[in-house]
Protein backbone atom coordinates (compact mmCIF):
# COMPACT_ATOMS: atom_id res chain seq x y z
CA MET A 1 0.00 0.00 0.00
CA MET A 2 1.38 3.39 -1.02
CA GLN A 3 1.64 6.12 1.61
CA VAL A 4 0.57 9.58 0.56
CA SER A 5 2.91 12.36 1.62
CA SER A 6 1.44 15.74 2.43
CA SER A 7 3.92 17.23 -0.04
CA GLN A 8 2.62 15.16 -2.97
CA PRO A 9 0.19 16.89 -5.32
CA ILE A 10 -3.49 16.05 -4.92
CA SER A 11 -5.37 15.12 -8.10
CA LYS A 12 -8.15 17.36 -9.41
CA LYS A 13 -10.75 14.64 -8.81
CA GLU A 14 -9.62 14.28 -5.18
CA ARG A 15 -9.68 18.06 -4.81
CA TRP A 16 -13.32 18.31 -5.88
CA ILE A 17 -14.34 15.47 -3.55
CA TRP A 18 -12.42 16.71 -0.48
CA PHE A 19 -13.31 20.36 -1.07
CA SER A 20 -17.01 19.49 -1.33
CA VAL A 21 -17.05 17.16 1.68
CA THR A 22 -15.00 19.47 3.92
CA SER A 23 -16.96 22.57 2.96
CA VAL A 24 -20.38 20.96 3.32
CA VAL A 25 -19.57 19.38 6.70
CA MET A 26 -18.04 22.61 8.06
CA VAL A 27 -20.88 24.81 6.82
CA VAL A 28 -23.63 22.45 8.05
CA VAL A 29 -22.09 22.15 11.54
CA ASP A 30 -21.41 25.91 11.67
CA GLN A 31 -24.92 26.88 10.57
CA TRP A 32 -26.60 24.32 12.84
CA LEU A 33 -24.70 25.63 15.88
CA LYS A 34 -25.51 29.22 14.94
CA MET A 35 -29.23 28.43 14.70
CA TYR A 36 -28.98 26.63 18.06
CA ALA A 37 -27.27 29.71 19.53
CA ILE A 38 -29.98 32.03 18.21
CA GLN A 39 -32.77 29.84 19.59
CA ASN A 40 -31.16 28.99 22.95
CA TRP A 41 -28.55 31.59 23.94
CA LYS A 42 -29.70 34.90 22.43
CA GLY A 43 -30.62 37.36 25.14
CA LEU A 44 -29.22 35.21 27.96
CA PRO A 45 -26.27 36.17 30.17
CA PRO A 46 -22.92 34.49 29.44
CA ARG A 47 -22.51 30.93 30.75
CA SER A 48 -19.16 29.90 32.23
CA PHE A 49 -17.57 26.44 32.27
CA PHE A 50 -14.32 24.84 33.49
CA PHE A 51 -13.47 27.53 36.05
CA ASP A 52 -14.34 30.31 33.56
CA THR A 53 -11.89 29.00 30.94
CA PHE A 54 -14.74 28.48 28.46
CA ARG A 55 -17.74 30.80 28.06
CA ILE A 56 -20.81 30.75 25.90
CA THR A 57 -21.65 34.37 25.12
CA TYR A 58 -24.11 35.12 22.32
CA ALA A 59 -23.00 38.04 20.14
CA GLU A 60 -23.91 39.54 16.78
CA ASN A 61 -20.78 40.71 14.98
CA HIS A 62 -21.53 43.37 12.35
CA GLY A 63 -17.86 43.64 11.37
CA ALA A 64 -15.06 41.29 10.42
CA PHE A 65 -12.45 39.72 12.71
CA LEU A 66 -12.97 41.04 16.27
CA GLY A 67 -15.67 43.39 14.97
CA LEU A 68 -13.31 45.40 12.74
CA GLY A 69 -15.34 47.54 10.36
CA GLY A 70 -18.55 47.06 12.32
CA GLU A 71 -19.01 50.83 12.58
CA LEU A 72 -18.85 51.35 8.79
CA PRO A 73 -22.04 52.38 6.98
CA ASP A 74 -24.22 49.45 5.85
CA GLU A 75 -23.36 49.93 2.17
CA ALA A 76 -19.59 49.98 2.80
CA ARG A 77 -19.85 46.86 4.99
CA PHE A 78 -21.83 45.13 2.24
CA TRP A 79 -19.21 45.89 -0.43
CA ILE A 80 -16.26 45.00 1.77
CA LEU A 81 -17.56 42.07 3.81
CA VAL A 82 -19.91 40.47 1.31
CA VAL A 83 -18.87 41.37 -2.24
CA THR A 84 -15.08 41.62 -1.81
CA ASN A 85 -14.99 38.69 0.60
CA GLY A 86 -17.13 36.64 -1.79
CA LEU A 87 -14.78 37.38 -4.70
CA VAL A 88 -11.75 36.36 -2.62
CA LEU A 89 -13.47 33.11 -1.58
CA LEU A 90 -14.37 32.44 -5.21
CA GLY A 91 -10.78 33.10 -6.34
CA VAL A 92 -9.25 30.86 -3.69
CA SER A 93 -11.79 28.14 -4.48
CA ALA A 94 -10.92 28.34 -8.19
CA TYR A 95 -7.22 28.06 -7.34
CA LEU A 96 -7.87 25.03 -5.12
CA LEU A 97 -10.04 23.23 -7.65
CA LEU A 98 -8.53 24.24 -10.98
CA GLY A 99 -4.88 25.10 -10.24
CA LYS A 100 -2.12 23.04 -11.83
CA SER A 101 -0.64 21.47 -8.72
CA ILE A 102 -1.23 21.75 -4.99
CA ASN A 103 -0.13 19.43 -2.19
CA HIS A 104 -2.48 17.89 0.37
CA TYR A 105 -1.40 20.06 3.29
CA VAL A 106 -1.78 23.40 1.50
CA PHE A 107 -5.04 22.21 0.00
CA LEU A 108 -6.48 21.35 3.44
CA ALA A 109 -5.31 24.65 4.96
CA PHE A 110 -6.93 26.76 2.23
CA THR A 111 -10.07 24.59 2.17
CA LEU A 112 -10.60 25.22 5.90
CA VAL A 113 -10.24 28.98 5.31
CA VAL A 114 -12.75 28.87 2.44
CA ALA A 115 -15.24 26.68 4.34
CA GLY A 116 -15.13 29.02 7.33
CA GLY A 117 -15.46 32.02 5.05
CA ILE A 118 -18.56 30.49 3.44
CA GLY A 119 -20.12 29.86 6.87
CA ASN A 120 -19.66 33.48 7.91
CA MET A 121 -20.71 34.74 4.47
CA ILE A 122 -24.05 32.94 4.83
CA ASP A 123 -24.64 34.83 8.09
CA ARG A 124 -23.77 38.18 6.51
CA VAL A 125 -26.20 37.60 3.66
CA ARG A 126 -29.01 36.23 5.89
CA PHE A 127 -28.70 38.48 8.94
CA GLU A 128 -26.28 41.29 7.99
CA TYR A 129 -24.10 40.13 10.91
CA VAL A 130 -22.22 37.01 11.99
CA VAL A 131 -23.45 34.97 14.96
CA ASP A 132 -20.66 34.33 17.48
CA PHE A 133 -20.90 32.52 20.82
CA PHE A 134 -17.63 30.95 22.07
CA ASN A 135 -15.01 32.63 24.24
CA ILE A 136 -11.97 31.07 25.91
CA GLY A 137 -9.30 32.40 28.22
CA ILE A 138 -7.87 32.62 31.69
CA GLY A 139 -8.72 35.59 33.88
CA GLY A 140 -8.48 38.81 31.88
CA LEU A 141 -6.61 37.15 29.01
CA ARG A 142 -9.42 36.11 26.69
CA THR A 143 -10.09 35.58 23.01
CA GLY A 144 -12.70 37.52 21.12
CA ILE A 145 -16.10 35.86 20.77
CA PHE A 146 -16.00 33.39 17.87
CA ASN A 147 -17.84 30.53 16.14
CA ILE A 148 -17.07 27.25 14.32
CA ALA A 149 -16.41 29.05 11.02
CA ASP A 150 -13.83 31.24 12.75
CA MET A 151 -12.20 28.11 14.17
CA ALA A 152 -11.86 26.65 10.65
CA ILE A 153 -10.38 29.91 9.30
CA THR A 154 -7.94 30.15 12.20
CA ALA A 155 -6.90 26.50 11.87
CA GLY A 156 -6.23 27.03 8.15
CA PHE A 157 -4.09 30.10 8.81
CA PHE A 158 -2.15 28.36 11.60
CA MET A 159 -1.52 25.46 9.23
CA MET A 160 0.00 27.91 6.73
CA LEU A 161 2.44 29.51 9.20
CA PRO A 162 5.06 26.73 8.99
CA LEU A 163 4.95 27.07 5.22
CA VAL A 164 5.88 30.74 5.48
CA TRP A 165 8.88 29.96 7.69
CA SER A 166 9.96 26.74 5.95
CA PRO A 167 13.40 26.51 4.29
CA GLU A 168 11.67 26.20 0.90
CA ALA A 169 9.77 29.46 1.46
CA LYS A 170 12.98 31.22 2.49
CA LYS A 171 14.77 29.92 -0.62
CA ALA A 172 11.90 31.05 -2.85
CA SER A 173 11.88 34.45 -1.16
CA GLU A 174 15.63 34.84 -1.60
CA LYS A 175 15.38 33.71 -5.23
CA ASP A 176 12.67 36.30 -5.93
CA SER A 177 14.61 39.10 -4.24
CA VAL A 178 17.90 38.48 -6.07
CA THR A 179 18.17 40.54 -9.23
CA PRO A 180 20.46 39.14 -11.87
CA GLU A 181 23.44 41.27 -12.76
CA VAL A 182 23.43 42.41 -16.34
CA THR A 183 26.91 42.71 -17.73
CA ALA A 184 27.95 43.67 -21.17
CA GLU A 185 31.36 43.52 -22.74
CA VAL A 186 32.51 46.98 -23.52
CA ASP A 187 34.96 47.83 -26.23
CA GLY A 188 37.81 49.58 -24.41
CA ALA A 189 38.43 52.08 -27.21
CA SER A 190 34.93 53.33 -27.95
CA GLY A 191 33.10 52.49 -24.70
CA SER A 192 30.25 50.92 -26.66
CA PRO A 193 28.93 47.36 -26.14
CA VAL A 194 30.61 44.64 -28.15
CA SER A 195 28.24 42.59 -30.26
């Protein structure tokens, strides 16, 4: 039996299957929990568990990450958080599904980001805000309030961090930053290039 390395390319057929399965499962779980939160936690005070390490706190986020942009006018929020975000998700999805070659690890990382983005996009279109309800921390050191879609996005980004700092990424970065020296033979007498 052949072992599949995370650095081996994933076939286009496998991409379509895994992208569909991962996205559907993530979005269904995310949306189900958000509907549960609306029906059962909206309007209630925060609930604390495990010595206040984990809280359930219903919140409606009108902005992006940690509420950024929530104070923008409705039209600006629509164009930034729905239209622009939708185009980015569409572009990343096209890259994942139609690109020449992508390895399993990178594919999974980006698929998690897209699946989470779709979950939050559904909220923005349906409610004009994103439903959040989880909060973790110790004492005054706490996360923002988040949801399952945010967890998928965060997991995808954390998966990408080692790629940014890998030796291959450093080599590629150095290769891109080195400009080749252009030298021309110059005729000593006239100072013009020799052909």
